[in-house]
Amino acid sequence: MAFPERFANLPPYAFPRLRALLDVHPAGGPVRHMTIGEPKHKFPAWISDIISQSSDQFNAYPANDGTPELRAAIAGWFQRRFSVALDPDTQIMAANGTREALYNAAMALCPETKNGQRPVVLTPNPFYQVYMIAAISVGAEPVFVPATKDTGYLPDYASLPADILNRTTIAYLCSPSNPQGAIASYEYWKTLIALAEQYDFQIFADECYSEIYRNGVPVGALQVAQDMGADPERVVVFHSLSKRSNLPGLRSGFVAGGPQTLAHLKQLRSYSGAPLPGPIQAASVAAWNDEAHVVENRALYAEKFDIADQIFSDVAGYTSPQAGFFLWLPVSDGEAAALKLWTETGVRVLPGRYLSKETEHGTPGAAYIRVALVAPKDETEQGLRAIKSCLYK
């Protein structure tokens, strides 16, 4: 039987790769999971009540693009948060979290060629793995652009040569960034949007961490595009309740952008999408309409970041994240550090190499580990102190 060659050279996904590295060795202490970005703070109790009260909706096929109530709630939140008015009927579509939407947006929107050549999809390096697989799936060339300390942990797409930019159809950008926690400034977005206008490509703005910040409130890509008077189809944004509301298992998010963009996304979803169940949509309405639990959630992460700053303040190369909920800690070798931590302390972290692609510029995550601050404060502090004593003696 023949199988497609386009996926033949994919590296193992990060977490199976991590299990192969660690699980052949016994833990060196109490197991502490600090690898995956799976929020562990309590979600609002009323979410369960709404799902229960709406359970009769499991007896009906759900609205494919999101109920009118859900799209209205999303539009209301977006207006309050970013001062951007979105038409709920033509500019918003519900999605099963951001990963599904980030993948399917490329399927729906990336043309087969650009200027008579194979299209290019730009992605930061390190990166969220779905960006790469989306590019490969549509037959585009993924181009990995370093997002290192020298570039403020954000990719410098404007530095790319014209022959690459002339083939570019999509540029992925995560802000706040995963794994480094960097926030794209207003000027950064303005420069990137201007570049997209000049070379006629779309920006896929992955903003799933936008509500977990410390001091500066992340600006939104559509907010800047609106101020610039950019083409309404130029920027597509992706949001989720997973991080904002501690509801990763709800698998509820949305994609928003120009009316033509959303028409293409909805058309594809009509054939291949899996809509959110009705009770999940009902709970999502309440979550987008409530901000109190988000403020409380943000405060819990801020406490843990302050603890991290205290513990690692004397570590050479430590950068205090602006947002998100990861630490991007410098080490000599990420895989060796992760293995040492596991066998000596029982703490599990993710080697930065597993989030990076080796290119002619090197592997920007090779000398880092990613540490998720998602567990309760005391458990997180214990894990961080174990990391400090094990790796930074």
Protein backbone atom coordinates (compact mmCIF):
# COMPACT_ATOMS: atom_id res chain seq x y z
CA MET A 1 0.00 0.00 0.00
CA ALA A 2 1.31 3.45 -0.91
CA PHE A 3 1.23 6.30 1.60
CA PRO A 4 1.81 10.03 1.01
CA GLU A 5 5.47 11.03 0.99
CA ARG A 6 4.79 14.58 2.15
CA PHE A 7 4.61 13.41 5.79
CA ALA A 8 7.41 10.85 5.56
CA ASN A 9 10.14 13.06 7.02
CA LEU A 10 8.20 14.50 9.94
CA PRO A 11 9.99 14.19 13.26
CA PRO A 12 8.08 12.43 16.03
CA TYR A 13 5.66 14.78 17.77
CA ALA A 14 7.15 16.50 20.80
CA PHE A 15 5.50 14.49 23.55
CA PRO A 16 5.99 10.94 22.16
CA ARG A 17 9.58 12.04 21.58
CA LEU A 18 9.84 13.14 25.20
CA ARG A 19 8.43 9.84 26.45
CA ALA A 20 11.01 7.94 24.41
CA LEU A 21 13.75 10.06 26.00
CA LEU A 22 12.60 9.82 29.61
CA ASP A 23 10.41 6.81 30.20
CA VAL A 24 13.15 4.22 29.81
CA HIS A 25 14.63 5.67 33.03
CA PRO A 26 13.10 5.72 36.52
CA ALA A 27 12.12 9.04 38.03
CA GLY A 28 14.64 10.42 40.47
CA GLY A 29 12.00 11.85 42.79
CA PRO A 30 8.32 12.73 43.05
CA VAL A 31 7.00 13.13 39.51
CA ARG A 32 6.18 16.73 38.63
CA HIS A 33 4.75 17.40 35.17
CA MET A 34 5.95 20.75 33.78
CA THR A 35 5.91 19.88 30.08
CA ILE A 36 2.54 20.46 28.45
CA GLY A 37 0.66 23.76 28.46
CA GLU A 38 -2.47 22.30 29.99
CA PRO A 39 -4.01 24.77 32.47
CA LYS A 40 -4.71 23.28 35.88
CA HIS A 41 -6.36 26.25 37.60
CA LYS A 42 -10.02 25.71 38.42
CA PHE A 43 -12.47 26.69 35.70
CA PRO A 44 -15.67 28.52 36.68
CA ALA A 45 -18.12 26.19 38.45
CA TRP A 46 -21.02 27.52 36.44
CA ILE A 47 -19.58 25.98 33.27
CA SER A 48 -20.64 22.54 34.46
CA ASP A 49 -24.09 23.84 35.41
CA ILE A 50 -24.67 25.32 31.96
CA ILE A 51 -23.56 22.14 30.19
CA SER A 52 -25.90 20.10 32.39
CA GLN A 53 -28.82 22.49 31.88
CA SER A 54 -28.24 22.43 28.11
CA SER A 55 -27.77 18.67 27.83
CA ASP A 56 -30.96 18.27 25.77
CA GLN A 57 -29.00 19.91 22.92
CA PHE A 58 -26.98 16.70 22.59
CA ASN A 59 -30.10 15.42 20.81
CA ALA A 60 -29.61 17.82 17.90
CA TYR A 61 -26.89 18.57 15.37
CA PRO A 62 -25.11 21.76 16.50
CA ALA A 63 -24.71 24.98 14.52
CA ASN A 64 -21.74 24.45 12.24
CA ASP A 65 -20.28 27.96 12.45
CA GLY A 66 -21.41 28.69 16.01
CA THR A 67 -24.84 29.66 17.30
CA PRO A 68 -25.93 33.29 16.86
CA GLU A 69 -25.62 33.65 20.64
CA LEU A 70 -22.03 32.39 20.65
CA ARG A 71 -20.92 34.54 17.74
CA ALA A 72 -22.57 37.57 19.36
CA ALA A 73 -20.78 36.85 22.65
CA ILE A 74 -17.45 36.57 20.84
CA ALA A 75 -18.07 39.82 18.96
CA GLY A 76 -18.94 41.56 22.22
CA TRP A 77 -15.79 40.32 23.92
CA PHE A 78 -13.65 41.28 20.93
CA GLN A 79 -15.11 44.80 20.93
CA ARG A 80 -14.46 45.22 24.66
CA ARG A 81 -10.97 43.77 24.49
CA PHE A 82 -9.60 45.16 21.23
CA SER A 83 -11.97 48.00 20.27
CA VAL A 84 -12.65 46.25 16.97
CA ALA A 85 -16.22 45.72 15.76
CA LEU A 86 -16.73 42.34 14.08
CA ASP A 87 -19.89 41.32 12.27
CA PRO A 88 -20.98 38.12 14.04
CA ASP A 89 -22.58 36.80 10.86
CA THR A 90 -19.73 37.34 8.41
CA GLN A 91 -16.47 37.71 10.39
CA ILE A 92 -16.54 35.06 13.14
CA MET A 93 -16.59 31.28 13.14
CA ALA A 94 -16.50 28.99 16.16
CA ALA A 95 -13.80 26.32 16.19
CA ASN A 96 -12.64 23.33 18.19
CA GLY A 97 -9.84 25.29 19.82
CA THR A 98 -7.10 27.11 17.94
CA ARG A 99 -5.18 24.09 16.63
CA GLU A 100 -8.05 22.94 14.40
CA ALA A 101 -8.59 26.47 13.12
CA LEU A 102 -4.89 27.17 12.52
CA TYR A 103 -4.64 24.02 10.41
CA ASN A 104 -7.89 24.36 8.47
CA ALA A 105 -7.30 28.03 7.74
CA ALA A 106 -4.27 27.07 5.69
CA MET A 107 -6.30 24.37 3.93
CA ALA A 108 -9.00 26.89 3.03
CA LEU A 109 -6.89 29.95 2.25
CA CYS A 110 -3.47 28.99 0.87
CA PRO A 111 -3.42 29.13 -2.96
CA GLU A 112 -1.76 26.35 -4.93
CA THR A 113 0.79 28.75 -6.45
CA LYS A 114 1.88 32.34 -6.08
CA ASN A 115 3.50 34.26 -8.92
CA GLY A 116 3.72 30.96 -10.79
CA GLN A 117 5.77 29.27 -8.07
CA ARG A 118 5.37 27.00 -5.07
CA PRO A 119 3.90 29.03 -2.21
CA VAL A 120 5.76 29.74 1.02
CA VAL A 121 4.35 29.66 4.55
CA LEU A 122 6.41 31.53 7.12
CA THR A 123 6.67 30.31 10.68
CA PRO A 124 8.71 31.38 13.69
CA ASN A 125 11.41 29.01 14.90
CA PRO A 126 10.75 27.71 17.62
CA PHE A 127 7.11 27.22 16.70
CA TYR A 128 3.79 25.55 17.48
CA GLN A 129 3.95 22.33 15.47
CA VAL A 130 0.63 22.77 13.65
CA TYR A 131 2.10 25.66 11.62
CA MET A 132 4.58 23.32 9.96
CA ILE A 133 2.14 20.50 9.28
CA ALA A 134 -0.40 22.92 7.84
CA ALA A 135 2.18 24.22 5.38
CA ILE A 136 3.18 20.71 4.34
CA SER A 137 -0.45 19.64 3.95
CA VAL A 138 -1.21 22.37 1.42
CA GLY A 139 1.95 21.69 -0.58
CA ALA A 140 3.63 24.91 0.50
CA GLU A 141 7.26 25.32 1.49
CA PRO A 142 7.56 26.04 5.21
CA VAL A 143 10.24 28.63 5.88
CA PHE A 144 11.46 28.69 9.48
CA VAL A 145 12.58 32.11 10.67
CA PRO A 146 14.64 32.37 13.87
CA ALA A 147 12.87 33.84 16.90
CA THR A 148 15.79 34.22 19.28
CA LYS A 149 16.97 36.56 21.98
CA ASP A 150 18.65 38.67 19.27
CA THR A 151 15.27 39.24 17.58
CA GLY A 152 13.29 39.75 20.78
CA TYR A 153 12.02 36.15 20.55
CA LEU A 154 9.87 37.12 17.55
CA PRO A 155 10.71 36.37 13.91
CA ASP A 156 12.11 39.15 11.74
CA TYR A 157 10.08 38.44 8.62
CA ALA A 158 11.06 41.78 7.09
CA SER A 159 14.66 40.58 6.83
CA LEU A 160 13.75 37.81 4.39
CA PRO A 161 14.83 38.17 0.75
CA ALA A 162 12.34 39.35 -1.83
CA ASP A 163 12.28 36.01 -3.65
CA ILE A 164 10.88 34.37 -0.49
CA LEU A 165 8.43 37.17 0.28
CA ASN A 166 7.16 37.17 -3.31
CA ARG A 167 6.13 33.53 -2.83
CA THR A 168 4.74 33.98 0.68
CA THR A 169 1.02 33.33 1.08
CA ILE A 170 0.74 32.98 4.88
CA ALA A 171 2.81 34.14 7.85
CA TYR A 172 2.09 32.56 11.22
CA LEU A 173 2.80 34.66 14.28
CA CYS A 174 2.07 33.72 17.90
CA SER A 175 1.79 36.66 20.29
CA PRO A 176 2.30 36.26 23.19
CA SER A 177 4.77 33.76 21.85
CA ASN A 178 5.01 30.08 22.71
CA PRO A 179 7.45 29.18 24.20
CA GLN A 180 9.25 32.43 25.02
CA GLY A 181 6.37 34.62 26.28
CA ALA A 182 7.29 37.64 24.13
CA ILE A 183 4.61 40.17 23.16
CA ALA A 184 4.54 41.66 19.68
CA SER A 185 4.42 45.43 20.08
CA TYR A 186 2.16 47.79 18.17
CA GLU A 187 5.13 48.74 15.99
CA TYR A 188 6.01 45.11 15.35
CA TRP A 189 2.48 44.38 14.13
CA LYS A 190 2.47 47.57 12.08
CA THR A 191 5.71 46.57 10.33
CA LEU A 192 4.48 43.04 9.67
CA ILE A 193 1.10 44.17 8.35
CA ALA A 194 2.78 46.68 6.05
CA LEU A 195 5.03 43.90 4.79
CA ALA A 196 1.99 41.71 4.15
CA GLU A 197 0.32 44.53 2.25
CA GLN A 198 3.46 45.08 0.17
CA TYR A 199 3.91 41.41 -0.73
CA ASP A 200 0.24 40.41 -0.65
CA PHE A 201 0.12 37.64 1.95
CA GLN A 202 -2.11 36.91 4.93
CA ILE A 203 -1.09 36.98 8.57
CA PHE A 204 -2.38 34.20 10.81
CA ALA A 205 -2.22 35.74 14.28
CA ASP A 206 -2.29 33.03 16.94
CA GLU A 207 -3.44 35.00 19.99
CA CYS A 208 -4.44 32.14 22.29
CA TYR A 209 -2.24 33.46 25.15
CA SER A 210 -3.43 37.06 24.83
CA GLU A 211 -5.22 37.12 28.19
CA ILE A 212 -2.34 35.78 30.30
CA TYR A 213 -0.02 38.72 30.69
CA ARG A 214 1.86 40.51 33.44
CA ASN A 215 2.42 44.24 33.01
CA GLY A 216 1.73 45.15 29.39
CA VAL A 217 -1.60 44.24 27.79
CA PRO A 218 -0.91 42.55 24.42
CA VAL A 219 -2.15 44.52 21.45
CA GLY A 220 -4.25 42.63 18.92
CA ALA A 221 -3.30 42.19 15.28
CA LEU A 222 -6.76 43.21 14.03
CA GLN A 223 -6.60 46.24 16.28
CA VAL A 224 -3.45 47.46 14.52
CA ALA A 225 -4.74 46.50 11.07
CA GLN A 226 -7.86 48.57 11.70
CA ASP A 227 -5.81 51.58 12.76
CA MET A 228 -3.71 51.26 9.61
CA GLY A 229 -6.70 50.92 7.30
CA ALA A 230 -5.26 47.64 6.00
CA ASP A 231 -7.14 45.29 3.71
CA PRO A 232 -9.83 43.68 5.92
CA GLU A 233 -8.77 40.26 4.60
CA ARG A 234 -5.12 40.77 5.49
CA VAL A 235 -5.20 39.48 9.10
CA VAL A 236 -6.87 36.36 10.50
CA VAL A 237 -6.89 35.93 14.29
CA PHE A 238 -7.33 32.82 16.43
CA HIS A 239 -8.51 32.71 20.04
CA SER A 240 -9.43 30.03 22.54
CA LEU A 241 -10.99 29.48 25.95
CA SER A 242 -8.32 26.89 26.80
CA LYS A 243 -5.83 29.28 28.36
CA ARG A 244 -8.04 32.29 29.05
CA SER A 245 -10.65 30.34 31.02
CA ASN A 246 -8.77 27.16 32.06
CA LEU A 247 -10.97 25.07 29.75
CA PRO A 248 -8.61 23.08 27.50
CA GLY A 249 -11.01 20.12 27.47
CA LEU A 250 -13.88 22.25 26.22
CA ARG A 251 -12.11 22.58 22.86
CA SER A 252 -13.79 25.90 22.21
CA GLY A 253 -12.27 28.76 20.28
CA PHE A 254 -12.88 30.93 17.27
CA VAL A 255 -11.34 32.40 14.15
CA ALA A 256 -12.07 35.94 12.95
CA GLY A 257 -11.12 38.03 9.95
CA GLY A 258 -12.48 39.56 6.77
CA PRO A 259 -15.81 38.47 5.28
CA GLN A 260 -14.23 36.81 2.22
CA THR A 261 -11.78 34.93 4.42
CA LEU A 262 -14.56 33.68 6.68
CA ALA A 263 -16.69 32.66 3.71
CA HIS A 264 -13.90 30.35 2.54
CA LEU A 265 -13.40 28.96 6.04
CA LYS A 266 -17.11 28.30 6.46
CA GLN A 267 -17.34 26.62 3.09
CA LEU A 268 -14.57 24.17 4.00
CA ARG A 269 -16.10 23.57 7.42
CA SER A 270 -19.44 22.72 5.81
CA TYR A 271 -17.77 19.74 4.15
CA SER A 272 -15.14 18.66 6.65
CA GLY A 273 -15.61 20.42 9.98
CA ALA A 274 -16.84 19.06 13.28
CA PRO A 275 -18.99 21.70 15.02
CA LEU A 276 -18.91 22.22 18.76
CA PRO A 277 -21.71 20.36 20.59
CA GLY A 278 -24.64 22.57 21.60
CA PRO A 279 -24.01 22.43 25.37
CA ILE A 280 -20.36 23.38 24.78
CA GLN A 281 -21.46 26.37 22.73
CA ALA A 282 -23.88 27.42 25.48
CA ALA A 283 -21.10 27.25 28.09
CA SER A 284 -18.78 29.17 25.78
CA VAL A 285 -21.28 32.03 25.56
CA ALA A 286 -21.12 32.45 29.33
CA ALA A 287 -17.32 32.19 29.38
CA TRP A 288 -16.80 34.91 26.76
CA ASN A 289 -19.28 37.14 28.59
CA ASP A 290 -17.50 36.89 31.94
CA GLU A 291 -14.22 38.61 32.73
CA ALA A 292 -13.97 38.13 36.49
CA HIS A 293 -12.62 34.60 36.27
CA VAL A 294 -10.04 35.73 33.70
CA VAL A 295 -8.71 38.42 36.03
CA GLU A 296 -8.41 35.86 38.84
CA ASN A 297 -6.64 33.42 36.52
CA ARG A 298 -4.16 36.06 35.38
CA ALA A 299 -3.33 36.93 38.99
CA LEU A 300 -2.51 33.28 39.77
CA TYR A 301 -0.03 33.14 36.90
CA ALA A 302 1.50 36.47 37.92
CA GLU A 303 2.28 35.05 41.36
CA LYS A 304 4.07 32.10 39.81
CA PHE A 305 6.07 34.30 37.45
CA ASP A 306 7.19 36.40 40.40
CA ILE A 307 8.37 33.22 42.13
CA ALA A 308 10.24 32.18 38.99
CA ASP A 309 11.95 35.57 38.79
CA GLN A 310 13.12 35.23 42.38
CA ILE A 311 14.46 31.73 41.86
CA PHE A 312 16.23 32.31 38.53
CA SER A 313 17.27 35.96 38.89
CA ASP A 314 20.96 35.00 39.14
CA VAL A 315 20.90 32.57 36.20
CA ALA A 316 22.90 33.90 33.26
CA GLY A 317 20.67 34.40 30.22
CA TYR A 318 17.39 34.12 32.12
CA THR A 319 14.65 36.21 30.51
CA SER A 320 11.56 37.02 32.53
CA PRO A 321 8.56 36.31 30.25
CA GLN A 322 6.11 39.09 29.48
CA ALA A 323 3.12 36.79 29.04
CA GLY A 324 1.89 33.24 28.51
CA PHE A 325 2.71 30.61 31.10
CA PHE A 326 6.05 29.12 30.08
CA LEU A 327 9.65 29.66 31.10
CA TRP A 328 12.23 29.39 28.34
CA LEU A 329 15.30 28.49 30.37
CA PRO A 330 18.83 28.52 28.93
CA VAL A 331 20.89 25.34 29.37
CA SER A 332 23.86 23.87 27.55
CA ASP A 333 21.80 21.10 25.95
CA GLY A 334 18.02 20.80 26.31
CA GLU A 335 17.76 17.03 25.92
CA ALA A 336 20.59 16.36 28.35
CA ALA A 337 19.09 18.82 30.84
CA ALA A 338 15.62 17.24 30.60
CA LEU A 339 17.07 13.75 31.13
CA LYS A 340 19.17 14.90 34.08
CA LEU A 341 16.17 16.56 35.71
CA TRP A 342 14.03 13.46 35.29
CA THR A 343 16.56 10.96 36.58
CA GLU A 344 17.71 13.12 39.50
CA THR A 345 14.52 14.95 40.58
CA GLY A 346 11.45 13.49 38.82
CA VAL A 347 10.65 16.84 37.17
CA ARG A 348 9.55 16.56 33.52
CA VAL A 349 10.28 19.46 31.18
CA LEU A 350 10.35 19.73 27.39
CA PRO A 351 13.63 20.12 25.47
CA GLY A 352 13.49 23.22 23.32
CA ARG A 353 14.83 21.22 20.40
CA TYR A 354 11.45 19.48 20.18
CA LEU A 355 9.80 22.82 19.37
CA SER A 356 12.41 23.87 16.80
CA LYS A 357 13.49 22.99 13.30
CA GLU A 358 17.13 22.61 12.33
CA THR A 359 17.98 25.04 9.54
CA GLU A 360 21.07 26.68 8.11
CA HIS A 361 20.81 29.07 11.06
CA GLY A 362 21.03 26.19 13.55
CA THR A 363 18.39 24.88 15.95
CA PRO A 364 17.28 27.85 18.06
CA GLY A 365 15.69 25.73 20.79
CA ALA A 366 18.58 23.31 21.27
CA ALA A 367 20.04 25.12 24.27
CA TYR A 368 16.73 25.65 26.12
CA ILE A 369 14.10 23.80 28.07
CA ARG A 370 10.44 24.83 28.20
CA VAL A 371 8.85 24.77 31.64
CA ALA A 372 5.06 25.06 32.02
CA LEU A 373 3.81 26.98 35.07
CA VAL A 374 0.34 25.46 34.98
CA ALA A 375 0.24 23.54 38.27
CA PRO A 376 -0.86 25.12 41.58
CA LYS A 377 1.56 27.65 43.06
CA ASP A 378 3.16 25.43 45.74
CA GLU A 379 3.68 22.54 43.34
CA THR A 380 5.11 24.90 40.73
CA GLU A 381 7.52 26.45 43.22
CA GLN A 382 8.76 23.03 44.31
CA GLY A 383 9.40 22.10 40.70
CA LEU A 384 11.20 25.34 39.95
CA ARG A 385 13.45 24.98 42.98
CA ALA A 386 14.27 21.43 41.93
CA ILE A 387 15.23 22.71 38.47
CA LYS A 388 17.42 25.43 39.95
CA SER A 389 19.27 23.11 42.34
CA CYS A 390 19.75 20.41 39.68
CA LEU A 391 20.76 22.46 36.65
CA TYR A 392 22.18 25.73 37.98
CA LYS A 393 24.47 24.78 40.88
